[in-house]
C-alpha atoms as a PDB file:
ATOM      1  CA  UNK A   1     -38.340  72.169 125.768  1.00  0.00           C
ATOM      2  CA  UNK A   2     -37.388  68.915 127.329  1.00  0.00           C
ATOM      3  CA  UNK A   3     -37.535  66.972 124.090  1.00  0.00           C
ATOM      4  CA  UNK A   4     -36.439  67.325 120.528  1.00  0.00           C
ATOM      5  CA  UNK A   5     -39.252  68.294 118.264  1.00  0.00           C
ATOM      6  CA  UNK A   6     -38.991  68.308 114.666  1.00  0.00           C
ATOM      7  CA  UNK A   7     -41.451  68.554 111.591  1.00  0.00           C
ATOM      8  CA  UNK A   8     -39.605  67.290 108.652  1.00  0.00           C
ATOM      9  CA  UNK A   9     -41.391  66.101 105.366  1.00  0.00           C
ATOM     10  CA  UNK A  10     -39.721  64.729 102.328  1.00  0.00           C
ATOM     11  CA  UNK A  11     -41.158  64.050  98.801  1.00  0.00           C
ATOM     12  CA  UNK A  12     -39.110  61.404  97.204  1.00  0.00           C
ATOM     13  CA  UNK A  13     -39.287  60.419  93.428  1.00  0.00           C
ATOM     14  CA  UNK A  14     -37.382  57.707  91.755  1.00  0.00           C
ATOM     15  CA  UNK A  15     -37.665  55.861  88.342  1.00  0.00           C
ATOM     16  CA  UNK A  16     -37.210  52.402  86.931  1.00  0.00           C
ATOM     17  CA  UNK A  17     -34.206  51.437  84.903  1.00  0.00           C
ATOM     18  CA  UNK A  18     -34.217  53.380  81.609  1.00  0.00           C
ATOM     19  CA  UNK A  19     -37.866  54.602  82.544  1.00  0.00           C
ATOM     20  CA  UNK A  20     -39.264  51.133  81.422  1.00  0.00           C
ATOM     21  CA  UNK A  21     -42.768  50.265  82.341  1.00  0.00           C
ATOM     22  CA  UNK A  22     -41.703  47.767  85.103  1.00  0.00           C
ATOM     23  CA  UNK A  23     -44.270  48.496  87.586  1.00  0.00           C
ATOM     24  CA  UNK A  24     -47.216  46.689  86.191  1.00  0.00           C
ATOM     25  CA  UNK A  25     -50.681  46.687  87.797  1.00  0.00           C
ATOM     26  CA  UNK A  26     -50.310  43.189  89.109  1.00  0.00           C
ATOM     27  CA  UNK A  27     -47.427  44.111  91.261  1.00  0.00           C
ATOM     28  CA  UNK A  28     -47.941  47.776  92.059  1.00  0.00           C
ATOM     29  CA  UNK A  29     -49.852  47.436  95.398  1.00  0.00           C
ATOM     30  CA  UNK A  30     -47.273  44.749  96.462  1.00  0.00           C
ATOM     31  CA  UNK A  31     -44.504  46.940  95.595  1.00  0.00           C
ATOM     32  CA  UNK A  32     -46.110  49.891  97.578  1.00  0.00           C
ATOM     33  CA  UNK A  33     -46.561  47.692 100.482  1.00  0.00           C
ATOM     34  CA  UNK A  34     -42.792  46.686 100.721  1.00  0.00           C
ATOM     35  CA  UNK A  35     -41.989  50.323 100.489  1.00  0.00           C
ATOM     36  CA  UNK A  36     -44.309  51.052 103.372  1.00  0.00           C
ATOM     37  CA  UNK A  37     -43.093  48.221 105.349  1.00  0.00           C
ATOM     38  CA  UNK A  38     -39.360  49.434 104.857  1.00  0.00           C
ATOM     39  CA  UNK A  39     -40.333  53.055 105.689  1.00  0.00           C
ATOM     40  CA  UNK A  40     -41.902  51.879 109.084  1.00  0.00           C
ATOM     41  CA  UNK A  41     -38.660  49.903 109.893  1.00  0.00           C
ATOM     42  CA  UNK A  42     -36.589  53.217 109.160  1.00  0.00           C
ATOM     43  CA  UNK A  43     -39.011  55.254 111.526  1.00  0.00           C
ATOM     44  CA  UNK A  44     -40.325  57.063 108.553  1.00  0.00           C
ATOM     45  CA  UNK A  45     -43.922  58.014 108.657  1.00  0.00           C
ATOM     46  CA  UNK A  46     -45.518  57.321 105.196  1.00  0.00           C
ATOM     47  CA  UNK A  47     -47.981  59.868 104.301  1.00  0.00           C
ATOM     48  CA  UNK A  48     -48.601  58.870 100.578  1.00  0.00           C
ATOM     49  CA  UNK A  49     -46.995  56.661  98.007  1.00  0.00           C
ATOM     50  CA  UNK A  50     -48.110  56.439  94.298  1.00  0.00           C
ATOM     51  CA  UNK A  51     -46.844  56.437  90.961  1.00  0.00           C
ATOM     52  CA  UNK A  52     -47.117  54.811  87.355  1.00  0.00           C
ATOM     53  CA  UNK A  53     -45.474  52.312  85.610  1.00  0.00           C
ATOM     54  CA  UNK A  54     -42.043  53.855  85.388  1.00  0.00           C
ATOM     55  CA  UNK A  55     -41.783  55.854  88.598  1.00  0.00           C
ATOM     56  CA  UNK A  56     -42.786  56.056  92.280  1.00  0.00           C
ATOM     57  CA  UNK A  57     -43.386  59.078  94.398  1.00  0.00           C
ATOM     58  CA  UNK A  58     -43.296  59.024  98.296  1.00  0.00           C
ATOM     59  CA  UNK A  59     -44.269  61.524 101.008  1.00  0.00           C
ATOM     60  CA  UNK A  60     -42.859  60.696 104.402  1.00  0.00           C
ATOM     61  CA  UNK A  61     -42.300  62.332 107.776  1.00  0.00           C
ATOM     62  CA  UNK A  62     -38.669  62.258 108.228  1.00  0.00           C
ATOM     63  CA  UNK A  63     -36.819  61.131 111.376  1.00  0.00           C
ATOM     64  CA  UNK A  64     -33.564  62.867 112.331  1.00  0.00           C
ATOM     65  CA  UNK A  65     -31.654  59.576 112.989  1.00  0.00           C
ATOM     66  CA  UNK A  66     -30.999  58.624 109.285  1.00  0.00           C
ATOM     67  CA  UNK A  67     -29.825  60.584 106.143  1.00  0.00           C
ATOM     68  CA  UNK A  68     -31.983  60.996 102.973  1.00  0.00           C
ATOM     69  CA  UNK A  69     -29.678  58.932 100.840  1.00  0.00           C
ATOM     70  CA  UNK A  70     -29.897  56.211 103.568  1.00  0.00           C
ATOM     71  CA  UNK A  71     -33.481  56.111 103.352  1.00  0.00           C
ATOM     72  CA  UNK A  72     -33.860  55.951  99.672  1.00  0.00           C
ATOM     73  CA  UNK A  73     -31.040  53.311  99.364  1.00  0.00           C
ATOM     74  CA  UNK A  74     -32.890  50.958 101.798  1.00  0.00           C
ATOM     75  CA  UNK A  75     -36.239  51.463 100.238  1.00  0.00           C
ATOM     76  CA  UNK A  76     -35.105  51.060  96.801  1.00  0.00           C
ATOM     77  CA  UNK A  77     -32.798  48.081  97.832  1.00  0.00           C
ATOM     78  CA  UNK A  78     -35.706  46.244  99.848  1.00  0.00           C
ATOM     79  CA  UNK A  79     -38.276  46.914  97.052  1.00  0.00           C
ATOM     80  CA  UNK A  80     -35.904  45.745  94.279  1.00  0.00           C
ATOM     81  CA  UNK A  81     -34.896  42.683  96.201  1.00  0.00           C
ATOM     82  CA  UNK A  82     -38.460  41.686  96.988  1.00  0.00           C
ATOM     83  CA  UNK A  83     -39.505  42.186  93.270  1.00  0.00           C
ATOM     84  CA  UNK A  84     -36.620  40.158  91.996  1.00  0.00           C
ATOM     85  CA  UNK A  85     -36.679  37.422  94.419  1.00  0.00           C
ATOM     86  CA  UNK A  86     -40.224  37.068  95.494  1.00  0.00           C
ATOM     87  CA  UNK A  87     -42.899  38.274  92.960  1.00  0.00           C
ATOM     88  CA  UNK A  88     -41.012  38.367  89.615  1.00  0.00           C
ATOM     89  CA  UNK A  89     -37.956  36.347  89.761  1.00  0.00           C
ATOM     90  CA  UNK A  90     -38.097  35.450  86.097  1.00  0.00           C
ATOM     91  CA  UNK A  91     -38.391  39.046  85.017  1.00  0.00           C
ATOM     92  CA  UNK A  92     -35.852  41.883  84.797  1.00  0.00           C
ATOM     93  CA  UNK A  93     -36.525  44.661  87.319  1.00  0.00           C
ATOM     94  CA  UNK A  94     -34.087  47.500  88.416  1.00  0.00           C
ATOM     95  CA  UNK A  95     -34.408  50.878  89.688  1.00  0.00           C
ATOM     96  CA  UNK A  96     -32.399  53.960  88.324  1.00  0.00           C
ATOM     97  CA  UNK A  97     -29.513  54.759  90.578  1.00  0.00           C
ATOM     98  CA  UNK A  98     -30.704  58.365  90.833  1.00  0.00           C
ATOM     99  CA  UNK A  99     -33.522  60.028  92.721  1.00  0.00           C
ATOM    100  CA  UNK A 100     -35.235  63.406  93.543  1.00  0.00           C
ATOM    101  CA  UNK A 101     -35.943  64.546  97.023  1.00  0.00           C
ATOM    102  CA  UNK A 102     -37.913  67.668  98.035  1.00  0.00           C
ATOM    103  CA  UNK A 103     -38.761  69.144 101.264  1.00  0.00           C
ATOM    104  CA  UNK A 104     -42.322  69.689 101.871  1.00  0.00           C
ATOM    105  CA  UNK A 105     -43.854  72.477 104.442  1.00  0.00           C
ATOM    106  CA  UNK A 106     -46.493  71.350 106.912  1.00  0.00           C
ATOM    107  CA  UNK A 107     -49.049  73.448 105.050  1.00  0.00           C
ATOM    108  CA  UNK A 108     -48.425  71.837 101.686  1.00  0.00           C
ATOM    109  CA  UNK A 109     -48.732  68.192 102.987  1.00  0.00           C
ATOM    110  CA  UNK A 110     -52.239  67.539 101.696  1.00  0.00           C
ATOM    111  CA  UNK A 111     -51.629  69.008  98.290  1.00  0.00           C
ATOM    112  CA  UNK A 112     -48.592  67.042  97.887  1.00  0.00           C
ATOM    113  CA  UNK A 113     -50.131  63.752  99.207  1.00  0.00           C
ATOM    114  CA  UNK A 114     -53.192  64.257  96.843  1.00  0.00           C
ATOM    115  CA  UNK A 115     -50.803  64.674  93.834  1.00  0.00           C
ATOM    116  CA  UNK A 116     -48.832  61.589  94.765  1.00  0.00           C
ATOM    117  CA  UNK A 117     -52.077  59.457  95.290  1.00  0.00           C
ATOM    118  CA  UNK A 118     -53.527  60.577  91.848  1.00  0.00           C
ATOM    119  CA  UNK A 119     -50.460  60.025  89.579  1.00  0.00           C
ATOM    120  CA  UNK A 120     -52.422  58.168  86.959  1.00  0.00           C
ATOM    121  CA  UNK A 121     -54.758  60.887  86.565  1.00  0.00           C
ATOM    122  CA  UNK A 122     -52.048  63.481  86.509  1.00  0.00           C
ATOM    123  CA  UNK A 123     -50.124  61.701  83.630  1.00  0.00           C
ATOM    124  CA  UNK A 124     -53.232  61.059  81.617  1.00  0.00           C
ATOM    125  CA  UNK A 125     -54.178  64.811  81.863  1.00  0.00           C
ATOM    126  CA  UNK A 126     -50.440  65.973  81.515  1.00  0.00           C
ATOM    127  CA  UNK A 127     -50.891  68.070  84.688  1.00  0.00           C
ATOM    128  CA  UNK A 128     -47.708  66.854  86.110  1.00  0.00           C
ATOM    129  CA  UNK A 129     -45.176  68.903  88.086  1.00  0.00           C
ATOM    130  CA  UNK A 130     -41.990  68.533  86.096  1.00  0.00           C
ATOM    131  CA  UNK A 131     -39.550  69.138  88.974  1.00  0.00           C
ATOM    132  CA  UNK A 132     -41.301  66.289  90.954  1.00  0.00           C
ATOM    133  CA  UNK A 133     -41.102  63.954  87.945  1.00  0.00           C
ATOM    134  CA  UNK A 134     -37.646  63.561  87.999  1.00  0.00           C
ATOM    135  CA  UNK A 135     -36.343  65.074  84.845  1.00  0.00           C
ATOM    136  CA  UNK A 136     -33.917  62.385  84.099  1.00  0.00           C
ATOM    137  CA  UNK A 137     -33.602  61.107  80.500  1.00  0.00           C
ATOM    138  CA  UNK A 138     -34.230  57.627  79.741  1.00  0.00           C
ATOM    139  CA  UNK A 139     -30.867  55.898  79.975  1.00  0.00           C
ATOM    140  CA  UNK A 140     -29.312  57.681  82.812  1.00  0.00           C
ATOM    141  CA  UNK A 141     -27.242  54.696  84.425  1.00  0.00           C
ATOM    142  CA  UNK A 142     -26.420  54.502  88.016  1.00  0.00           C
ATOM    143  CA  UNK A 143     -26.626  51.811  90.933  1.00  0.00           C
END
């Protein structure tokens, strides 16, 4: 093999500050768009993005040139900056400092992507996967 070959997929989950319902329907698509744009700049391939009012799920193909913590730092930072300075400067918005990151096998990509894209339905039906829903109590602080 003359070139490196990797198949690395990560499922990230992170929440709003104190799990407040800050990702309102009027900004949800804009937030997803800025997350996708930042991922592209980091050379991550976005497979799925979704969530509800108090948290986001993201599934990406992951490059070998950056760390997991750097990816999430950049995504959360750029999206928070965008929300606070461009779309809702008069309102409070902040992410919790923590996050979850899970490796995903190539065979599971479609199932995980489906789960992410259908977050509202999963939460309405209470068919969530607890490990993927970032079991952090409200009020966990961090930056």
